[in-house]
């Protein structure tokens, strides 16, 4: 059987846990997280679209983050769930390349988007009177397109090189999806130079948004420090706290994956960290923003109230029997 797979172009995904004792339990947990993540992000997108109070630059960028998170979790988890229930854990060469491309595109896109969201918060706190002029619809659209373009460029370059290496040995990927470093371990050619270049590329992609975030929040802290109003300080911290939490979670995991030297990595650690930011993070992001944001919570209550009133109205107008 092993020789058959060695001569095949398909890969085999060994999964989050190579030989799980309770695959049904893992399936139930991951599936529940998947449903919550997709539902929460779609609800966030819907609320921002239907509630006029959320038609601001900050929420437009937040809706794009929810779109990225929805696609992000959908490129890895469905295949993972299928593999938990099936003995056939193969993924085609093209399917593997597509997973790598989408994963890198969305990761890079979120890097840039979270950095630019910090700039949005800087303008809102430090230059509120010109906020809607600086963060105009045209600028917001360029920010979003730039994030997607930057992520897509990274995905295209790294995916094309990764999949160009010959894979003539084992086809078993010790991971639950096709992540670049895990796939490269199967190559029968020396990939050390490319891995060094990939490492430098990832560090550069981290440094750009981190620099924007650091400068933006430094300026925000200086502005807040000079505020005389306690209410103004509270509002400034409230408007930034959700973003800071999301950034800390996402960049913390990204720092481990892309910055720490290979000596700190093991397949087991890599899979756990990957599971954290490909499965848990897309679920946590909308929950953090909804639970800590009064506008989003109010919009949700308003929609639920309207739905409840609509149902009562329908019940009240049920025609009687004659």
C-alpha atoms as a PDB file:
ATOM      1  CA  UNK A   1       0.000   0.000   0.000  1.00  0.00           C
ATOM      2  CA  UNK A   2       2.830   2.396   0.860  1.00  0.00           C
ATOM      3  CA  UNK A   3       4.457   1.788  -2.540  1.00  0.00           C
ATOM      4  CA  UNK A   4       1.176   2.622  -4.257  1.00  0.00           C
ATOM      5  CA  UNK A   5       1.026   5.995  -2.502  1.00  0.00           C
ATOM      6  CA  UNK A   6       4.673   6.685  -3.250  1.00  0.00           C
ATOM      7  CA  UNK A   7       3.912   6.356  -6.972  1.00  0.00           C
ATOM      8  CA  UNK A   8       0.767   8.476  -6.636  1.00  0.00           C
ATOM      9  CA  UNK A   9       0.444  12.254  -6.828  1.00  0.00           C
ATOM     10  CA  UNK A  10      -1.906  12.207  -3.830  1.00  0.00           C
ATOM     11  CA  UNK A  11      -0.829  13.006  -0.281  1.00  0.00           C
ATOM     12  CA  UNK A  12      -2.034  11.426   2.969  1.00  0.00           C
ATOM     13  CA  UNK A  13      -2.991  13.674   5.899  1.00  0.00           C
ATOM     14  CA  UNK A  14      -2.210  11.969   9.210  1.00  0.00           C
ATOM     15  CA  UNK A  15      -4.491  14.349  11.114  1.00  0.00           C
ATOM     16  CA  UNK A  16      -4.327  16.427  14.278  1.00  0.00           C
ATOM     17  CA  UNK A  17      -3.844  13.223  16.299  1.00  0.00           C
ATOM     18  CA  UNK A  18      -2.248  10.395  14.320  1.00  0.00           C
ATOM     19  CA  UNK A  19      -4.151   7.531  15.966  1.00  0.00           C
ATOM     20  CA  UNK A  20      -7.014   9.072  17.983  1.00  0.00           C
ATOM     21  CA  UNK A  21      -8.578   6.814  20.609  1.00  0.00           C
ATOM     22  CA  UNK A  22     -11.934   8.624  20.367  1.00  0.00           C
ATOM     23  CA  UNK A  23     -12.305  10.036  16.836  1.00  0.00           C
ATOM     24  CA  UNK A  24     -16.043  10.537  17.377  1.00  0.00           C
ATOM     25  CA  UNK A  25     -15.431  12.812  20.362  1.00  0.00           C
ATOM     26  CA  UNK A  26     -12.837  14.862  18.462  1.00  0.00           C
ATOM     27  CA  UNK A  27     -15.258  15.115  15.534  1.00  0.00           C
ATOM     28  CA  UNK A  28     -18.039  16.390  17.815  1.00  0.00           C
ATOM     29  CA  UNK A  29     -15.804  19.035  19.434  1.00  0.00           C
ATOM     30  CA  UNK A  30     -14.294  20.295  16.164  1.00  0.00           C
ATOM     31  CA  UNK A  31     -17.672  20.256  14.402  1.00  0.00           C
ATOM     32  CA  UNK A  32     -19.241  22.281  17.234  1.00  0.00           C
ATOM     33  CA  UNK A  33     -16.460  24.866  17.046  1.00  0.00           C
ATOM     34  CA  UNK A  34     -16.830  24.984  13.260  1.00  0.00           C
ATOM     35  CA  UNK A  35     -20.590  25.601  13.446  1.00  0.00           C
ATOM     36  CA  UNK A  36     -20.193  28.312  16.111  1.00  0.00           C
ATOM     37  CA  UNK A  37     -17.388  30.012  14.151  1.00  0.00           C
ATOM     38  CA  UNK A  38     -19.229  30.066  10.822  1.00  0.00           C
ATOM     39  CA  UNK A  39     -22.522  31.123  12.434  1.00  0.00           C
ATOM     40  CA  UNK A  40     -20.914  33.884  14.530  1.00  0.00           C
ATOM     41  CA  UNK A  41     -19.033  35.324  11.557  1.00  0.00           C
ATOM     42  CA  UNK A  42     -22.067  35.213   9.262  1.00  0.00           C
ATOM     43  CA  UNK A  43     -24.194  36.877  11.944  1.00  0.00           C
ATOM     44  CA  UNK A  44     -21.528  39.577  12.328  1.00  0.00           C
ATOM     45  CA  UNK A  45     -21.520  40.199   8.555  1.00  0.00           C
ATOM     46  CA  UNK A  46     -25.336  40.302   8.508  1.00  0.00           C
ATOM     47  CA  UNK A  47     -25.567  42.748  11.440  1.00  0.00           C
ATOM     48  CA  UNK A  48     -23.041  45.122   9.886  1.00  0.00           C
ATOM     49  CA  UNK A  49     -24.963  45.022   6.618  1.00  0.00           C
ATOM     50  CA  UNK A  50     -28.500  45.566   7.962  1.00  0.00           C
ATOM     51  CA  UNK A  51     -27.893  47.988  10.865  1.00  0.00           C
ATOM     52  CA  UNK A  52     -27.246  51.558   9.705  1.00  0.00           C
ATOM     53  CA  UNK A  53     -25.470  52.397  12.975  1.00  0.00           C
ATOM     54  CA  UNK A  54     -22.730  49.961  11.967  1.00  0.00           C
ATOM     55  CA  UNK A  55     -22.150  51.558   8.556  1.00  0.00           C
ATOM     56  CA  UNK A  56     -18.799  53.028   9.628  1.00  0.00           C
ATOM     57  CA  UNK A  57     -15.216  52.371   8.462  1.00  0.00           C
ATOM     58  CA  UNK A  58     -14.377  50.305  11.581  1.00  0.00           C
ATOM     59  CA  UNK A  59     -17.293  47.917  11.061  1.00  0.00           C
ATOM     60  CA  UNK A  60     -16.692  47.701   7.323  1.00  0.00           C
ATOM     61  CA  UNK A  61     -13.146  46.473   8.080  1.00  0.00           C
ATOM     62  CA  UNK A  62     -14.540  44.156  10.761  1.00  0.00           C
ATOM     63  CA  UNK A  63     -16.938  42.631   8.217  1.00  0.00           C
ATOM     64  CA  UNK A  64     -13.965  41.886   5.963  1.00  0.00           C
ATOM     65  CA  UNK A  65     -12.208  40.201   8.899  1.00  0.00           C
ATOM     66  CA  UNK A  66     -15.312  38.036   9.396  1.00  0.00           C
ATOM     67  CA  UNK A  67     -15.315  37.110   5.694  1.00  0.00           C
ATOM     68  CA  UNK A  68     -11.644  36.110   5.921  1.00  0.00           C
ATOM     69  CA  UNK A  69     -12.275  34.067   9.078  1.00  0.00           C
ATOM     70  CA  UNK A  70     -15.221  32.272   7.480  1.00  0.00           C
ATOM     71  CA  UNK A  71     -13.190  31.241   4.428  1.00  0.00           C
ATOM     72  CA  UNK A  72     -10.171  30.536   6.658  1.00  0.00           C
ATOM     73  CA  UNK A  73     -11.909  27.881   8.738  1.00  0.00           C
ATOM     74  CA  UNK A  74     -13.719  26.408   5.716  1.00  0.00           C
ATOM     75  CA  UNK A  75     -10.478  25.524   3.881  1.00  0.00           C
ATOM     76  CA  UNK A  76      -9.173  23.217   6.622  1.00  0.00           C
ATOM     77  CA  UNK A  77     -11.913  21.967   8.971  1.00  0.00           C
ATOM     78  CA  UNK A  78     -14.309  20.207   6.515  1.00  0.00           C
ATOM     79  CA  UNK A  79     -11.459  18.032   5.207  1.00  0.00           C
ATOM     80  CA  UNK A  80     -10.308  17.398   8.780  1.00  0.00           C
ATOM     81  CA  UNK A  81     -13.822  16.297   9.787  1.00  0.00           C
ATOM     82  CA  UNK A  82     -14.077  14.043   6.744  1.00  0.00           C
ATOM     83  CA  UNK A  83     -10.754  12.386   7.604  1.00  0.00           C
ATOM     84  CA  UNK A  84     -11.898  11.714  11.176  1.00  0.00           C
ATOM     85  CA  UNK A  85     -14.788   9.596   9.855  1.00  0.00           C
ATOM     86  CA  UNK A  86     -13.091   8.046   6.825  1.00  0.00           C
ATOM     87  CA  UNK A  87     -10.229   5.615   6.348  1.00  0.00           C
ATOM     88  CA  UNK A  88      -9.312   7.392   3.124  1.00  0.00           C
ATOM     89  CA  UNK A  89      -7.302  10.410   4.292  1.00  0.00           C
ATOM     90  CA  UNK A  90      -5.822  11.295   0.913  1.00  0.00           C
ATOM     91  CA  UNK A  91      -5.776  14.744  -0.652  1.00  0.00           C
ATOM     92  CA  UNK A  92      -4.906  15.343  -4.282  1.00  0.00           C
ATOM     93  CA  UNK A  93      -1.831  17.291  -5.381  1.00  0.00           C
ATOM     94  CA  UNK A  94      -4.073  20.077  -6.692  1.00  0.00           C
ATOM     95  CA  UNK A  95      -6.189  20.047  -3.532  1.00  0.00           C
ATOM     96  CA  UNK A  96      -3.067  20.315  -1.409  1.00  0.00           C
ATOM     97  CA  UNK A  97      -1.760  23.223  -3.504  1.00  0.00           C
ATOM     98  CA  UNK A  98      -5.140  24.969  -3.206  1.00  0.00           C
ATOM     99  CA  UNK A  99      -5.129  24.562   0.591  1.00  0.00           C
ATOM    100  CA  UNK A 100      -1.623  26.044   0.846  1.00  0.00           C
ATOM    101  CA  UNK A 101      -2.517  28.965  -1.435  1.00  0.00           C
ATOM    102  CA  UNK A 102      -5.754  29.858   0.382  1.00  0.00           C
ATOM    103  CA  UNK A 103      -4.154  29.393   3.802  1.00  0.00           C
ATOM    104  CA  UNK A 104      -1.231  31.713   2.943  1.00  0.00           C
ATOM    105  CA  UNK A 105      -3.511  34.216   1.220  1.00  0.00           C
ATOM    106  CA  UNK A 106      -5.865  34.503   4.188  1.00  0.00           C
ATOM    107  CA  UNK A 107      -3.074  34.518   6.769  1.00  0.00           C
ATOM    108  CA  UNK A 108      -1.257  37.288   4.900  1.00  0.00           C
ATOM    109  CA  UNK A 109      -4.514  39.141   4.310  1.00  0.00           C
ATOM    110  CA  UNK A 110      -5.330  39.089   8.026  1.00  0.00           C
ATOM    111  CA  UNK A 111      -1.804  40.262   8.878  1.00  0.00           C
ATOM    112  CA  UNK A 112      -2.288  43.381   6.762  1.00  0.00           C
ATOM    113  CA  UNK A 113      -5.962  43.926   7.664  1.00  0.00           C
ATOM    114  CA  UNK A 114      -5.336  43.808  11.427  1.00  0.00           C
ATOM    115  CA  UNK A 115      -2.478  46.274  10.993  1.00  0.00           C
ATOM    116  CA  UNK A 116      -4.653  48.668   9.006  1.00  0.00           C
ATOM    117  CA  UNK A 117      -7.477  48.283  11.524  1.00  0.00           C
ATOM    118  CA  UNK A 118      -5.042  49.622  14.128  1.00  0.00           C
ATOM    119  CA  UNK A 119      -4.486  52.679  11.903  1.00  0.00           C
ATOM    120  CA  UNK A 120      -8.274  53.103  11.742  1.00  0.00           C
ATOM    121  CA  UNK A 121      -8.394  53.157  15.559  1.00  0.00           C
ATOM    122  CA  UNK A 122      -5.521  55.676  15.628  1.00  0.00           C
ATOM    123  CA  UNK A 123      -7.438  58.058  13.353  1.00  0.00           C
ATOM    124  CA  UNK A 124     -10.668  57.590  15.359  1.00  0.00           C
ATOM    125  CA  UNK A 125      -8.984  58.411  18.696  1.00  0.00           C
ATOM    126  CA  UNK A 126      -6.334  60.924  17.669  1.00  0.00           C
ATOM    127  CA  UNK A 127      -8.118  62.742  14.853  1.00  0.00           C
ATOM    128  CA  UNK A 128     -11.862  62.193  15.403  1.00  0.00           C
ATOM    129  CA  UNK A 129     -13.058  65.331  13.595  1.00  0.00           C
ATOM    130  CA  UNK A 130     -11.447  64.209  10.333  1.00  0.00           C
ATOM    131  CA  UNK A 131     -12.117  60.500  10.824  1.00  0.00           C
ATOM    132  CA  UNK A 132     -14.744  60.110   8.096  1.00  0.00           C
ATOM    133  CA  UNK A 133     -12.665  62.223   5.699  1.00  0.00           C
ATOM    134  CA  UNK A 134      -9.432  60.262   6.203  1.00  0.00           C
ATOM    135  CA  UNK A 135     -11.180  56.868   6.367  1.00  0.00           C
ATOM    136  CA  UNK A 136     -13.450  57.557   3.396  1.00  0.00           C
ATOM    137  CA  UNK A 137     -15.236  54.703   1.576  1.00  0.00           C
ATOM    138  CA  UNK A 138     -12.580  54.869  -1.162  1.00  0.00           C
ATOM    139  CA  UNK A 139      -9.751  54.538   1.387  1.00  0.00           C
ATOM    140  CA  UNK A 140     -11.529  51.653   3.147  1.00  0.00           C
ATOM    141  CA  UNK A 141     -11.968  49.855  -0.169  1.00  0.00           C
ATOM    142  CA  UNK A 142      -8.283  50.352  -1.010  1.00  0.00           C
ATOM    143  CA  UNK A 143      -7.338  49.027   2.443  1.00  0.00           C
ATOM    144  CA  UNK A 144      -9.368  45.867   1.898  1.00  0.00           C
ATOM    145  CA  UNK A 145      -8.156  45.338  -1.672  1.00  0.00           C
ATOM    146  CA  UNK A 146      -4.574  45.929  -0.541  1.00  0.00           C
ATOM    147  CA  UNK A 147      -4.923  43.310   2.204  1.00  0.00           C
ATOM    148  CA  UNK A 148      -6.329  40.718  -0.199  1.00  0.00           C
ATOM    149  CA  UNK A 149      -3.724  41.578  -2.858  1.00  0.00           C
ATOM    150  CA  UNK A 150      -0.819  41.353  -0.392  1.00  0.00           C
ATOM    151  CA  UNK A 151      -2.030  38.013   0.931  1.00  0.00           C
ATOM    152  CA  UNK A 152      -2.669  36.661  -2.592  1.00  0.00           C
ATOM    153  CA  UNK A 153       0.805  37.657  -3.758  1.00  0.00           C
ATOM    154  CA  UNK A 154       2.379  35.866  -0.801  1.00  0.00           C
ATOM    155  CA  UNK A 155       0.178  32.820  -1.410  1.00  0.00           C
ATOM    156  CA  UNK A 156       0.952  32.659  -5.127  1.00  0.00           C
ATOM    157  CA  UNK A 157       4.738  32.997  -4.732  1.00  0.00           C
ATOM    158  CA  UNK A 158       5.160  30.540  -1.860  1.00  0.00           C
ATOM    159  CA  UNK A 159       2.666  27.966  -3.156  1.00  0.00           C
ATOM    160  CA  UNK A 160       4.176  27.811  -6.642  1.00  0.00           C
ATOM    161  CA  UNK A 161       7.673  27.254  -5.254  1.00  0.00           C
ATOM    162  CA  UNK A 162       6.549  24.774  -2.563  1.00  0.00           C
ATOM    163  CA  UNK A 163       4.696  22.570  -5.025  1.00  0.00           C
ATOM    164  CA  UNK A 164       7.524  22.715  -7.593  1.00  0.00           C
ATOM    165  CA  UNK A 165       9.790  20.518  -5.451  1.00  0.00           C
ATOM    166  CA  UNK A 166       9.863  16.790  -6.260  1.00  0.00           C
ATOM    167  CA  UNK A 167       8.092  14.553  -3.743  1.00  0.00           C
ATOM    168  CA  UNK A 168       9.422  11.092  -4.451  1.00  0.00           C
ATOM    169  CA  UNK A 169       9.437   9.504  -0.981  1.00  0.00           C
ATOM    170  CA  UNK A 170       6.699   9.113   1.592  1.00  0.00           C
ATOM    171  CA  UNK A 171       3.444  10.932   0.843  1.00  0.00           C
ATOM    172  CA  UNK A 172       2.317  11.104   4.493  1.00  0.00           C
ATOM    173  CA  UNK A 173       1.942  14.687   5.758  1.00  0.00           C
ATOM    174  CA  UNK A 174       2.141  14.788   9.553  1.00  0.00           C
ATOM    175  CA  UNK A 175      -0.568  17.431   9.816  1.00  0.00           C
ATOM    176  CA  UNK A 176      -4.338  17.868   9.510  1.00  0.00           C
ATOM    177  CA  UNK A 177      -4.022  20.082   6.419  1.00  0.00           C
ATOM    178  CA  UNK A 178      -1.407  20.966   3.811  1.00  0.00           C
ATOM    179  CA  UNK A 179       0.787  23.488   5.604  1.00  0.00           C
ATOM    180  CA  UNK A 180       3.913  24.502   3.683  1.00  0.00           C
ATOM    181  CA  UNK A 181       6.635  23.421   6.171  1.00  0.00           C
ATOM    182  CA  UNK A 182       4.926  20.050   6.791  1.00  0.00           C
ATOM    183  CA  UNK A 183       4.740  19.384   3.033  1.00  0.00           C
ATOM    184  CA  UNK A 184       8.358  20.421   2.439  1.00  0.00           C
ATOM    185  CA  UNK A 185       9.556  17.727   4.844  1.00  0.00           C
ATOM    186  CA  UNK A 186       8.507  15.145   2.241  1.00  0.00           C
ATOM    187  CA  UNK A 187      10.645  16.598  -0.546  1.00  0.00           C
ATOM    188  CA  UNK A 188      13.563  14.490  -1.773  1.00  0.00           C
ATOM    189  CA  UNK A 189      15.557  17.649  -2.584  1.00  0.00           C
ATOM    190  CA  UNK A 190      17.350  20.015  -0.197  1.00  0.00           C
ATOM    191  CA  UNK A 191      14.895  22.792   0.691  1.00  0.00           C
ATOM    192  CA  UNK A 192      17.014  24.617   3.295  1.00  0.00           C
ATOM    193  CA  UNK A 193      17.654  27.690   1.098  1.00  0.00           C
ATOM    194  CA  UNK A 194      13.988  28.042   0.204  1.00  0.00           C
ATOM    195  CA  UNK A 195      12.927  27.571   3.833  1.00  0.00           C
ATOM    196  CA  UNK A 196      15.338  30.358   4.841  1.00  0.00           C
ATOM    197  CA  UNK A 197      13.865  32.655   2.189  1.00  0.00           C
ATOM    198  CA  UNK A 198      10.326  31.684   3.253  1.00  0.00           C
ATOM    199  CA  UNK A 199      11.266  32.443   6.860  1.00  0.00           C
ATOM    200  CA  UNK A 200      12.569  35.896   5.856  1.00  0.00           C
ATOM    201  CA  UNK A 201       9.411  36.560   3.815  1.00  0.00           C
ATOM    202  CA  UNK A 202       7.143  35.623   6.730  1.00  0.00           C
ATOM    203  CA  UNK A 203       9.132  37.772   9.178  1.00  0.00           C
ATOM    204  CA  UNK A 204       8.898  40.725   6.774  1.00  0.00           C
ATOM    205  CA  UNK A 205       5.140  40.220   6.412  1.00  0.00           C
ATOM    206  CA  UNK A 206       4.854  40.255  10.200  1.00  0.00           C
ATOM    207  CA  UNK A 207       7.079  43.298  10.699  1.00  0.00           C
ATOM    208  CA  UNK A 208       5.085  45.575   8.385  1.00  0.00           C
ATOM    209  CA  UNK A 209       1.705  45.275  10.180  1.00  0.00           C
ATOM    210  CA  UNK A 210       3.328  45.017  13.625  1.00  0.00           C
ATOM    211  CA  UNK A 211       5.124  48.313  12.936  1.00  0.00           C
ATOM    212  CA  UNK A 212       1.804  49.942  11.961  1.00  0.00           C
ATOM    213  CA  UNK A 213       0.129  48.525  15.090  1.00  0.00           C
ATOM    214  CA  UNK A 214       2.976  49.614  17.390  1.00  0.00           C
ATOM    215  CA  UNK A 215       3.116  53.172  16.032  1.00  0.00           C
ATOM    216  CA  UNK A 216      -0.693  53.517  16.029  1.00  0.00           C
ATOM    217  CA  UNK A 217      -1.164  52.360  19.610  1.00  0.00           C
ATOM    218  CA  UNK A 218       1.814  54.372  20.847  1.00  0.00           C
ATOM    219  CA  UNK A 219       0.157  57.498  19.444  1.00  0.00           C
ATOM    220  CA  UNK A 220      -3.192  56.399  20.908  1.00  0.00           C
ATOM    221  CA  UNK A 221      -1.663  55.946  24.388  1.00  0.00           C
ATOM    222  CA  UNK A 222      -0.033  59.387  24.201  1.00  0.00           C
ATOM    223  CA  UNK A 223      -3.343  60.959  23.180  1.00  0.00           C
ATOM    224  CA  UNK A 224      -5.277  59.136  25.902  1.00  0.00           C
ATOM    225  CA  UNK A 225      -2.675  60.152  28.516  1.00  0.00           C
ATOM    226  CA  UNK A 226      -3.267  63.827  27.708  1.00  0.00           C
ATOM    227  CA  UNK A 227      -7.055  63.523  27.843  1.00  0.00           C
ATOM    228  CA  UNK A 228      -8.583  65.418  30.753  1.00  0.00           C
ATOM    229  CA  UNK A 229     -11.919  63.595  30.607  1.00  0.00           C
ATOM    230  CA  UNK A 230     -12.212  60.208  32.316  1.00  0.00           C
ATOM    231  CA  UNK A 231     -15.174  59.406  30.049  1.00  0.00           C
ATOM    232  CA  UNK A 232     -13.019  60.131  26.979  1.00  0.00           C
ATOM    233  CA  UNK A 233     -10.327  57.783  28.237  1.00  0.00           C
ATOM    234  CA  UNK A 234     -12.882  55.057  28.889  1.00  0.00           C
ATOM    235  CA  UNK A 235     -14.335  55.362  25.387  1.00  0.00           C
ATOM    236  CA  UNK A 236     -10.851  55.323  23.823  1.00  0.00           C
ATOM    237  CA  UNK A 237      -9.880  52.143  25.661  1.00  0.00           C
ATOM    238  CA  UNK A 238     -13.256  50.540  24.920  1.00  0.00           C
ATOM    239  CA  UNK A 239     -12.941  51.171  21.189  1.00  0.00           C
ATOM    240  CA  UNK A 240      -9.449  49.645  21.069  1.00  0.00           C
ATOM    241  CA  UNK A 241      -9.635  46.770  23.573  1.00  0.00           C
ATOM    242  CA  UNK A 242     -11.332  44.232  21.269  1.00  0.00           C
ATOM    243  CA  UNK A 243      -8.813  44.858  18.491  1.00  0.00           C
ATOM    244  CA  UNK A 244      -5.875  44.526  20.917  1.00  0.00           C
ATOM    245  CA  UNK A 245      -7.170  41.141  22.153  1.00  0.00           C
ATOM    246  CA  UNK A 246      -7.666  39.822  18.590  1.00  0.00           C
ATOM    247  CA  UNK A 247      -4.217  41.068  17.529  1.00  0.00           C
ATOM    248  CA  UNK A 248      -2.567  39.458  20.575  1.00  0.00           C
ATOM    249  CA  UNK A 249      -4.178  36.077  19.862  1.00  0.00           C
ATOM    250  CA  UNK A 250      -3.485  36.037  16.119  1.00  0.00           C
ATOM    251  CA  UNK A 251       0.034  37.464  16.162  1.00  0.00           C
ATOM    252  CA  UNK A 252       1.029  35.365  19.175  1.00  0.00           C
ATOM    253  CA  UNK A 253       0.351  32.164  17.241  1.00  0.00           C
ATOM    254  CA  UNK A 254       1.883  33.637  14.068  1.00  0.00           C
ATOM    255  CA  UNK A 255       5.046  34.554  15.986  1.00  0.00           C
ATOM    256  CA  UNK A 256       5.524  30.937  17.059  1.00  0.00           C
ATOM    257  CA  UNK A 257       4.893  29.594  13.565  1.00  0.00           C
ATOM    258  CA  UNK A 258       6.878  32.077  11.507  1.00  0.00           C
ATOM    259  CA  UNK A 259       9.554  33.610  13.747  1.00  0.00           C
ATOM    260  CA  UNK A 260      10.800  31.012  16.240  1.00  0.00           C
ATOM    261  CA  UNK A 261      13.745  28.926  14.913  1.00  0.00           C
ATOM    262  CA  UNK A 262      13.146  25.334  13.771  1.00  0.00           C
ATOM    263  CA  UNK A 263      14.837  23.997  16.918  1.00  0.00           C
ATOM    264  CA  UNK A 264      11.771  25.133  18.909  1.00  0.00           C
ATOM    265  CA  UNK A 265       9.357  23.288  16.626  1.00  0.00           C
ATOM    266  CA  UNK A 266       8.045  19.735  16.827  1.00  0.00           C
ATOM    267  CA  UNK A 267       5.265  18.242  14.667  1.00  0.00           C
ATOM    268  CA  UNK A 268       2.998  17.939  17.710  1.00  0.00           C
ATOM    269  CA  UNK A 269       3.507  21.571  18.794  1.00  0.00           C
ATOM    270  CA  UNK A 270       3.073  22.807  15.228  1.00  0.00           C
ATOM    271  CA  UNK A 271      -0.248  21.000  14.886  1.00  0.00           C
ATOM    272  CA  UNK A 272      -1.564  22.349  18.185  1.00  0.00           C
ATOM    273  CA  UNK A 273      -0.626  25.941  17.294  1.00  0.00           C
ATOM    274  CA  UNK A 274      -2.058  25.534  13.789  1.00  0.00           C
ATOM    275  CA  UNK A 275      -5.299  24.182  15.269  1.00  0.00           C
ATOM    276  CA  UNK A 276      -5.444  27.202  17.564  1.00  0.00           C
ATOM    277  CA  UNK A 277      -5.297  29.848  14.849  1.00  0.00           C
ATOM    278  CA  UNK A 278      -7.100  27.967  12.063  1.00  0.00           C
ATOM    279  CA  UNK A 279      -9.955  26.559  14.196  1.00  0.00           C
ATOM    280  CA  UNK A 280     -10.251  28.556  17.441  1.00  0.00           C
ATOM    281  CA  UNK A 281      -9.280  32.052  16.260  1.00  0.00           C
ATOM    282  CA  UNK A 282     -12.059  32.319  13.624  1.00  0.00           C
ATOM    283  CA  UNK A 283     -14.527  31.448  16.398  1.00  0.00           C
ATOM    284  CA  UNK A 284     -13.040  33.809  19.000  1.00  0.00           C
ATOM    285  CA  UNK A 285     -12.774  36.920  16.805  1.00  0.00           C
ATOM    286  CA  UNK A 286     -16.529  37.585  16.310  1.00  0.00           C
ATOM    287  CA  UNK A 287     -17.299  36.552  19.896  1.00  0.00           C
ATOM    288  CA  UNK A 288     -14.723  39.015  21.269  1.00  0.00           C
ATOM    289  CA  UNK A 289     -16.056  41.857  19.144  1.00  0.00           C
ATOM    290  CA  UNK A 290     -19.708  41.082  19.894  1.00  0.00           C
ATOM    291  CA  UNK A 291     -19.319  40.556  23.640  1.00  0.00           C
ATOM    292  CA  UNK A 292     -17.120  43.627  24.181  1.00  0.00           C
ATOM    293  CA  UNK A 293     -18.868  45.976  21.757  1.00  0.00           C
ATOM    294  CA  UNK A 294     -22.058  47.751  22.756  1.00  0.00           C
ATOM    295  CA  UNK A 295     -22.997  48.709  19.186  1.00  0.00           C
ATOM    296  CA  UNK A 296     -22.824  45.112  17.941  1.00  0.00           C
ATOM    297  CA  UNK A 297     -24.716  43.822  20.981  1.00  0.00           C
ATOM    298  CA  UNK A 298     -27.386  46.508  20.482  1.00  0.00           C
ATOM    299  CA  UNK A 299     -27.686  45.647  16.771  1.00  0.00           C
ATOM    300  CA  UNK A 300     -28.147  41.969  17.637  1.00  0.00           C
ATOM    301  CA  UNK A 301     -30.827  42.756  20.213  1.00  0.00           C
ATOM    302  CA  UNK A 302     -32.573  45.001  17.687  1.00  0.00           C
ATOM    303  CA  UNK A 303     -32.643  42.243  15.041  1.00  0.00           C
ATOM    304  CA  UNK A 304     -33.909  39.665  17.562  1.00  0.00           C
ATOM    305  CA  UNK A 305     -36.576  42.104  18.756  1.00  0.00           C
ATOM    306  CA  UNK A 306     -37.746  42.718  15.190  1.00  0.00           C
ATOM    307  CA  UNK A 307     -37.853  38.994  14.479  1.00  0.00           C
ATOM    308  CA  UNK A 308     -39.870  38.376  17.632  1.00  0.00           C
ATOM    309  CA  UNK A 309     -42.300  41.189  16.759  1.00  0.00           C
ATOM    310  CA  UNK A 310     -42.642  39.874  13.195  1.00  0.00           C
ATOM    311  CA  UNK A 311     -43.530  36.390  14.465  1.00  0.00           C
ATOM    312  CA  UNK A 312     -46.106  37.781  16.899  1.00  0.00           C
ATOM    313  CA  UNK A 313     -47.595  39.849  14.079  1.00  0.00           C
ATOM    314  CA  UNK A 314     -47.877  36.765  11.861  1.00  0.00           C
ATOM    315  CA  UNK A 315     -49.548  34.782  14.655  1.00  0.00           C
ATOM    316  CA  UNK A 316     -51.963  37.652  15.319  1.00  0.00           C
ATOM    317  CA  UNK A 317     -53.066  37.727  11.685  1.00  0.00           C
ATOM    318  CA  UNK A 318     -53.778  34.021  11.276  1.00  0.00           C
ATOM    319  CA  UNK A 319     -57.220  33.900   9.582  1.00  0.00           C
ATOM    320  CA  UNK A 320     -59.937  32.314  11.677  1.00  0.00           C
ATOM    321  CA  UNK A 321     -62.190  29.484  10.637  1.00  0.00           C
ATOM    322  CA  UNK A 322     -65.680  30.253   9.376  1.00  0.00           C
END
